[in-house]
Amino acid sequence: GTGATVNVARPDGPSQILRVSVRDTA
């Protein structure tokens, strides 16, 4: 949500999320 750890407008449902991914910065 806005200002939360994942700082983006809170999705109202799973369909509003296009994708979630991870990358290893090491």
PDB file of all heavy atoms in Angstrom:
ATOM      1  N   GLY A   1       0.836  -1.196   0.000  1.00  0.00           N
ATOM      2  CA  GLY A   1       0.000   0.000   0.000  1.00  0.00           C
ATOM      3  C   GLY A   1       0.868   1.241   0.000  1.00  0.00           C
ATOM      4  O   GLY A   1       2.079   1.162   0.213  1.00  0.00           O
ATOM      5  N   THR A   2       0.262   2.375  -0.215  1.00  0.00           N
ATOM      6  CA  THR A   2       1.003   3.628  -0.231  1.00  0.00           C
ATOM      7  C   THR A   2       1.688   3.860   1.112  1.00  0.00           C
ATOM      8  O   THR A   2       1.037   3.880   2.155  1.00  0.00           O
ATOM      9  CB  THR A   2       0.061   4.800  -0.554  1.00  0.00           C
ATOM     10  OG1 THR A   2      -0.588   4.553  -1.798  1.00  0.00           O
ATOM     11  CG2 THR A   2       0.839   6.100  -0.637  1.00  0.00           C
ATOM     12  N   GLY A   3       3.017   3.997   1.094  1.00  0.00           N
ATOM     13  CA  GLY A   3       3.787   4.194   2.309  1.00  0.00           C
ATOM     14  C   GLY A   3       4.142   2.915   3.043  1.00  0.00           C
ATOM     15  O   GLY A   3       4.855   2.959   4.044  1.00  0.00           O
ATOM     16  N   ALA A   4       3.663   1.765   2.565  1.00  0.00           N
ATOM     17  CA  ALA A   4       3.961   0.480   3.205  1.00  0.00           C
ATOM     18  C   ALA A   4       5.278  -0.078   2.688  1.00  0.00           C
ATOM     19  O   ALA A   4       5.977   0.550   1.886  1.00  0.00           O
ATOM     20  CB  ALA A   4       2.817  -0.507   2.944  1.00  0.00           C
ATOM     21  N   THR A   5       5.663  -1.264   3.147  1.00  0.00           N
ATOM     22  CA  THR A   5       6.918  -1.879   2.705  1.00  0.00           C
ATOM     23  C   THR A   5       6.951  -2.005   1.189  1.00  0.00           C
ATOM     24  O   THR A   5       7.946  -1.653   0.545  1.00  0.00           O
ATOM     25  CB  THR A   5       7.083  -3.265   3.346  1.00  0.00           C
ATOM     26  OG1 THR A   5       7.072  -3.129   4.777  1.00  0.00           O
ATOM     27  CG2 THR A   5       8.394  -3.904   2.914  1.00  0.00           C
ATOM     28  N   VAL A   6       5.878  -2.511   0.611  1.00  0.00           N
ATOM     29  CA  VAL A   6       5.734  -2.514  -0.843  1.00  0.00           C
ATOM     30  C   VAL A   6       4.941  -1.261  -1.180  1.00  0.00           C
ATOM     31  O   VAL A   6       3.712  -1.227  -1.125  1.00  0.00           O
ATOM     32  CB  VAL A   6       5.006  -3.784  -1.336  1.00  0.00           C
ATOM     33  CG1 VAL A   6       5.000  -3.830  -2.860  1.00  0.00           C
ATOM     34  CG2 VAL A   6       5.677  -5.037  -0.780  1.00  0.00           C
ATOM     35  N   ASN A   7       5.673  -0.201  -1.505  1.00  0.00           N
ATOM     36  CA  ASN A   7       5.094   1.144  -1.602  1.00  0.00           C
ATOM     37  C   ASN A   7       4.468   1.387  -2.971  1.00  0.00           C
ATOM     38  O   ASN A   7       5.070   1.931  -3.885  1.00  0.00           O
ATOM     39  CB  ASN A   7       6.175   2.182  -1.318  1.00  0.00           C
ATOM     40  CG  ASN A   7       5.614   3.586  -1.191  1.00  0.00           C
ATOM     41  OD1 ASN A   7       4.403   3.772  -1.095  1.00  0.00           O
ATOM     42  ND2 ASN A   7       6.498   4.574  -1.202  1.00  0.00           N
ATOM     43  N   VAL A   8       3.220   0.943  -3.092  1.00  0.00           N
ATOM     44  CA  VAL A   8       2.462   1.127  -4.322  1.00  0.00           C
ATOM     45  C   VAL A   8       0.997   1.213  -3.932  1.00  0.00           C
ATOM     46  O   VAL A   8       0.610   0.740  -2.857  1.00  0.00           O
ATOM     47  CB  VAL A   8       2.706  -0.056  -5.296  1.00  0.00           C
ATOM     48  CG1 VAL A   8       2.112  -1.337  -4.743  1.00  0.00           C
ATOM     49  CG2 VAL A   8       2.180   0.231  -6.688  1.00  0.00           C
ATOM     50  N   ALA A   9       0.184   1.860  -4.748  1.00  0.00           N
ATOM     51  CA  ALA A   9      -1.246   1.941  -4.445  1.00  0.00           C
ATOM     52  C   ALA A   9      -1.792   0.539  -4.185  1.00  0.00           C
ATOM     53  O   ALA A   9      -1.580  -0.377  -4.977  1.00  0.00           O
ATOM     54  CB  ALA A   9      -1.989   2.598  -5.598  1.00  0.00           C
ATOM     55  N   ARG A  10      -2.477   0.367  -3.062  1.00  0.00           N
ATOM     56  CA  ARG A  10      -2.957  -0.953  -2.650  1.00  0.00           C
ATOM     57  C   ARG A  10      -3.841  -1.593  -3.711  1.00  0.00           C
ATOM     58  O   ARG A  10      -4.882  -1.040  -4.072  1.00  0.00           O
ATOM     59  CB  ARG A  10      -3.744  -0.832  -1.350  1.00  0.00           C
ATOM     60  CG  ARG A  10      -4.466  -2.096  -0.909  1.00  0.00           C
ATOM     61  CD  ARG A  10      -5.397  -1.811   0.251  1.00  0.00           C
ATOM     62  NE  ARG A  10      -6.282  -2.938   0.531  1.00  0.00           N
ATOM     63  CZ  ARG A  10      -7.430  -3.156  -0.124  1.00  0.00           C
ATOM     64  NH1 ARG A  10      -7.810  -2.328  -1.077  1.00  0.00           N
ATOM     65  NH2 ARG A  10      -8.187  -4.193   0.174  1.00  0.00           N
ATOM     66  N   PRO A  11      -3.461  -2.761  -4.242  1.00  0.00           N
ATOM     67  CA  PRO A  11      -4.332  -3.469  -5.177  1.00  0.00           C
ATOM     68  C   PRO A  11      -5.592  -3.953  -4.451  1.00  0.00           C
ATOM     69  O   PRO A  11      -5.514  -4.501  -3.357  1.00  0.00           O
ATOM     70  CB  PRO A  11      -3.469  -4.650  -5.650  1.00  0.00           C
ATOM     71  CG  PRO A  11      -2.056  -4.242  -5.353  1.00  0.00           C
ATOM     72  CD  PRO A  11      -2.148  -3.429  -4.101  1.00  0.00           C
ATOM     73  N   ASP A  12      -6.742  -3.749  -5.059  1.00  0.00           N
ATOM     74  CA  ASP A  12      -7.998  -4.166  -4.443  1.00  0.00           C
ATOM     75  C   ASP A  12      -8.251  -5.653  -4.603  1.00  0.00           C
ATOM     76  O   ASP A  12      -9.172  -6.195  -3.991  1.00  0.00           O
ATOM     77  CB  ASP A  12      -9.167  -3.388  -5.043  1.00  0.00           C
ATOM     78  CG  ASP A  12      -9.109  -1.919  -4.691  1.00  0.00           C
ATOM     79  OD1 ASP A  12      -8.726  -1.602  -3.549  1.00  0.00           O
ATOM     80  OD2 ASP A  12      -9.424  -1.076  -5.554  1.00  0.00           O
ATOM     81  N   GLY A  13      -7.461  -6.311  -5.430  1.00  0.00           N
ATOM     82  CA  GLY A  13      -7.617  -7.741  -5.631  1.00  0.00           C
ATOM     83  C   GLY A  13      -6.439  -8.282  -6.416  1.00  0.00           C
ATOM     84  O   GLY A  13      -5.663  -7.517  -6.999  1.00  0.00           O
ATOM     85  N   PRO A  14      -6.275  -9.597  -6.460  1.00  0.00           N
ATOM     86  CA  PRO A  14      -5.139 -10.197  -7.175  1.00  0.00           C
ATOM     87  C   PRO A  14      -5.070  -9.817  -8.645  1.00  0.00           C
ATOM     88  O   PRO A  14      -3.978  -9.736  -9.212  1.00  0.00           O
ATOM     89  CB  PRO A  14      -5.391 -11.701  -7.009  1.00  0.00           C
ATOM     90  CG  PRO A  14      -6.235 -11.814  -5.782  1.00  0.00           C
ATOM     91  CD  PRO A  14      -7.111 -10.606  -5.796  1.00  0.00           C
ATOM     92  N   SER A  15      -6.229  -9.569  -9.284  1.00  0.00           N
ATOM     93  CA  SER A  15      -6.227  -9.261 -10.715  1.00  0.00           C
ATOM     94  C   SER A  15      -5.553  -7.934 -11.025  1.00  0.00           C
ATOM     95  O   SER A  15      -5.169  -7.680 -12.173  1.00  0.00           O
ATOM     96  CB  SER A  15      -7.660  -9.247 -11.252  1.00  0.00           C
ATOM     97  OG  SER A  15      -8.420  -8.210 -10.659  1.00  0.00           O
ATOM     98  N   GLN A  16      -5.413  -7.066 -10.017  1.00  0.00           N
ATOM     99  CA  GLN A  16      -4.768  -5.776 -10.250  1.00  0.00           C
ATOM    100  C   GLN A  16      -3.243  -5.871 -10.204  1.00  0.00           C
ATOM    101  O   GLN A  16      -2.554  -4.913 -10.526  1.00  0.00           O
ATOM    102  CB  GLN A  16      -5.261  -4.750  -9.225  1.00  0.00           C
ATOM    103  CG  GLN A  16      -6.713  -4.358  -9.432  1.00  0.00           C
ATOM    104  CD  GLN A  16      -7.159  -3.268  -8.489  1.00  0.00           C
ATOM    105  OE1 GLN A  16      -6.406  -2.795  -7.640  1.00  0.00           O
ATOM    106  NE2 GLN A  16      -8.395  -2.842  -8.623  1.00  0.00           N
ATOM    107  N   ILE A  17      -2.726  -7.019  -9.800  1.00  0.00           N
ATOM    108  CA  ILE A  17      -1.274  -7.228  -9.800  1.00  0.00           C
ATOM    109  C   ILE A  17      -0.882  -7.879 -11.122  1.00  0.00           C
ATOM    110  O   ILE A  17      -1.378  -8.948 -11.470  1.00  0.00           O
ATOM    111  CB  ILE A  17      -0.843  -8.116  -8.624  1.00  0.00           C
ATOM    112  CG1 ILE A  17      -1.160  -7.415  -7.293  1.00  0.00           C
ATOM    113  CG2 ILE A  17       0.643  -8.436  -8.702  1.00  0.00           C
ATOM    114  CD1 ILE A  17      -0.828  -8.255  -6.078  1.00  0.00           C
ATOM    115  N   LEU A  18       0.002  -7.226 -11.852  1.00  0.00           N
ATOM    116  CA  LEU A  18       0.442  -7.781 -13.124  1.00  0.00           C
ATOM    117  C   LEU A  18       1.423  -8.924 -12.912  1.00  0.00           C
ATOM    118  O   LEU A  18       1.317  -9.976 -13.541  1.00  0.00           O
ATOM    119  CB  LEU A  18       1.094  -6.688 -13.973  1.00  0.00           C
ATOM    120  CG  LEU A  18       0.180  -5.523 -14.376  1.00  0.00           C
ATOM    121  CD1 LEU A  18       0.977  -4.484 -15.144  1.00  0.00           C
ATOM    122  CD2 LEU A  18      -1.002  -6.020 -15.190  1.00  0.00           C
ATOM    123  N   ARG A  19       2.369  -8.723 -12.017  1.00  0.00           N
ATOM    124  CA  ARG A  19       3.344  -9.774 -11.719  1.00  0.00           C
ATOM    125  C   ARG A  19       4.148  -9.392 -10.482  1.00  0.00           C
ATOM    126  O   ARG A  19       4.275  -8.214 -10.147  1.00  0.00           O
ATOM    127  CB  ARG A  19       4.284 -10.029 -12.901  1.00  0.00           C
ATOM    128  CG  ARG A  19       5.073  -8.817 -13.354  1.00  0.00           C
ATOM    129  CD  ARG A  19       5.723  -9.057 -14.715  1.00  0.00           C
ATOM    130  NE  ARG A  19       6.392  -7.867 -15.224  1.00  0.00           N
ATOM    131  CZ  ARG A  19       5.781  -6.883 -15.846  1.00  0.00           C
ATOM    132  NH1 ARG A  19       4.470  -6.932 -16.021  1.00  0.00           N
ATOM    133  NH2 ARG A  19       6.451  -5.839 -16.294  1.00  0.00           N
ATOM    134  N   VAL A  20       4.693 -10.408  -9.841  1.00  0.00           N
ATOM    135  CA  VAL A  20       5.616 -10.236  -8.719  1.00  0.00           C
ATOM    136  C   VAL A  20       6.857 -11.037  -9.056  1.00  0.00           C
ATOM    137  O   VAL A  20       6.764 -12.168  -9.545  1.00  0.00           O
ATOM    138  CB  VAL A  20       4.994 -10.744  -7.398  1.00  0.00           C
ATOM    139  CG1 VAL A  20       6.014 -10.660  -6.254  1.00  0.00           C
ATOM    140  CG2 VAL A  20       3.742  -9.940  -7.056  1.00  0.00           C
ATOM    141  N   SER A  21       8.020 -10.462  -8.811  1.00  0.00           N
ATOM    142  CA  SER A  21       9.265 -11.140  -9.149  1.00  0.00           C
ATOM    143  C   SER A  21      10.304 -10.877  -8.074  1.00  0.00           C
ATOM    144  O   SER A  21      10.132 -10.007  -7.211  1.00  0.00           O
ATOM    145  CB  SER A  21       9.795 -10.664 -10.508  1.00  0.00           C
ATOM    146  OG  SER A  21      10.042  -9.264 -10.478  1.00  0.00           O
ATOM    147  N   VAL A  22      11.397 -11.646  -8.120  1.00  0.00           N
ATOM    148  CA  VAL A  22      12.520 -11.432  -7.217  1.00  0.00           C
ATOM    149  C   VAL A  22      13.817 -11.455  -8.025  1.00  0.00           C
ATOM    150  O   VAL A  22      13.884 -12.067  -9.096  1.00  0.00           O
ATOM    151  CB  VAL A  22      12.590 -12.508  -6.102  1.00  0.00           C
ATOM    152  CG1 VAL A  22      11.386 -12.413  -5.190  1.00  0.00           C
ATOM    153  CG2 VAL A  22      12.708 -13.903  -6.696  1.00  0.00           C
ATOM    154  N   ARG A  23      14.819 -10.794  -7.491  1.00  0.00           N
ATOM    155  CA  ARG A  23      16.154 -10.818  -8.083  1.00  0.00           C
ATOM    156  C   ARG A  23      17.172 -10.858  -6.958  1.00  0.00           C
ATOM    157  O   ARG A  23      16.955 -10.269  -5.891  1.00  0.00           O
ATOM    158  CB  ARG A  23      16.385  -9.622  -9.004  1.00  0.00           C
ATOM    159  CG  ARG A  23      16.217  -8.280  -8.349  1.00  0.00           C
ATOM    160  CD  ARG A  23      15.987  -7.153  -9.363  1.00  0.00           C
ATOM    161  NE  ARG A  23      17.113  -6.978 -10.251  1.00  0.00           N
ATOM    162  CZ  ARG A  23      18.105  -6.122 -10.026  1.00  0.00           C
ATOM    163  NH1 ARG A  23      18.114  -5.392  -8.908  1.00  0.00           N
ATOM    164  NH2 ARG A  23      19.093  -6.001 -10.884  1.00  0.00           N
ATOM    165  N   ASP A  24      18.270 -11.562  -7.196  1.00  0.00           N
ATOM    166  CA  ASP A  24      19.316 -11.714  -6.187  1.00  0.00           C
ATOM    167  C   ASP A  24      20.376 -10.648  -6.426  1.00  0.00           C
ATOM    168  O   ASP A  24      21.152 -10.724  -7.385  1.00  0.00           O
ATOM    169  CB  ASP A  24      19.928 -13.109  -6.269  1.00  0.00           C
ATOM    170  CG  ASP A  24      20.800 -13.420  -5.061  1.00  0.00           C
ATOM    171  OD1 ASP A  24      21.251 -12.474  -4.388  1.00  0.00           O
ATOM    172  OD2 ASP A  24      21.027 -14.624  -4.800  1.00  0.00           O
ATOM    173  N   THR A  25      20.408  -9.643  -5.557  1.00  0.00           N
ATOM    174  CA  THR A  25      21.331  -8.517  -5.739  1.00  0.00           C
ATOM    175  C   THR A  25      22.776  -8.895  -5.474  1.00  0.00           C
ATOM    176  O   THR A  25      23.684  -8.107  -5.760  1.00  0.00           O
ATOM    177  CB  THR A  25      20.924  -7.349  -4.824  1.00  0.00           C
ATOM    178  OG1 THR A  25      20.962  -7.781  -3.460  1.00  0.00           O
ATOM    179  CG2 THR A  25      19.532  -6.849  -5.153  1.00  0.00           C
ATOM    180  N   ALA A  26      23.019 -10.088  -4.940  1.00  0.00           N
ATOM    181  CA  ALA A  26      24.395 -10.523  -4.698  1.00  0.00           C
ATOM    182  C   ALA A  26      25.070 -10.963  -5.994  1.00  0.00           C
ATOM    183  O   ALA A  26      26.300 -11.055  -6.054  1.00  0.00           O
ATOM    184  CB  ALA A  26      24.418 -11.666  -3.687  1.00  0.00           C
TER     185      ALA A  26
END
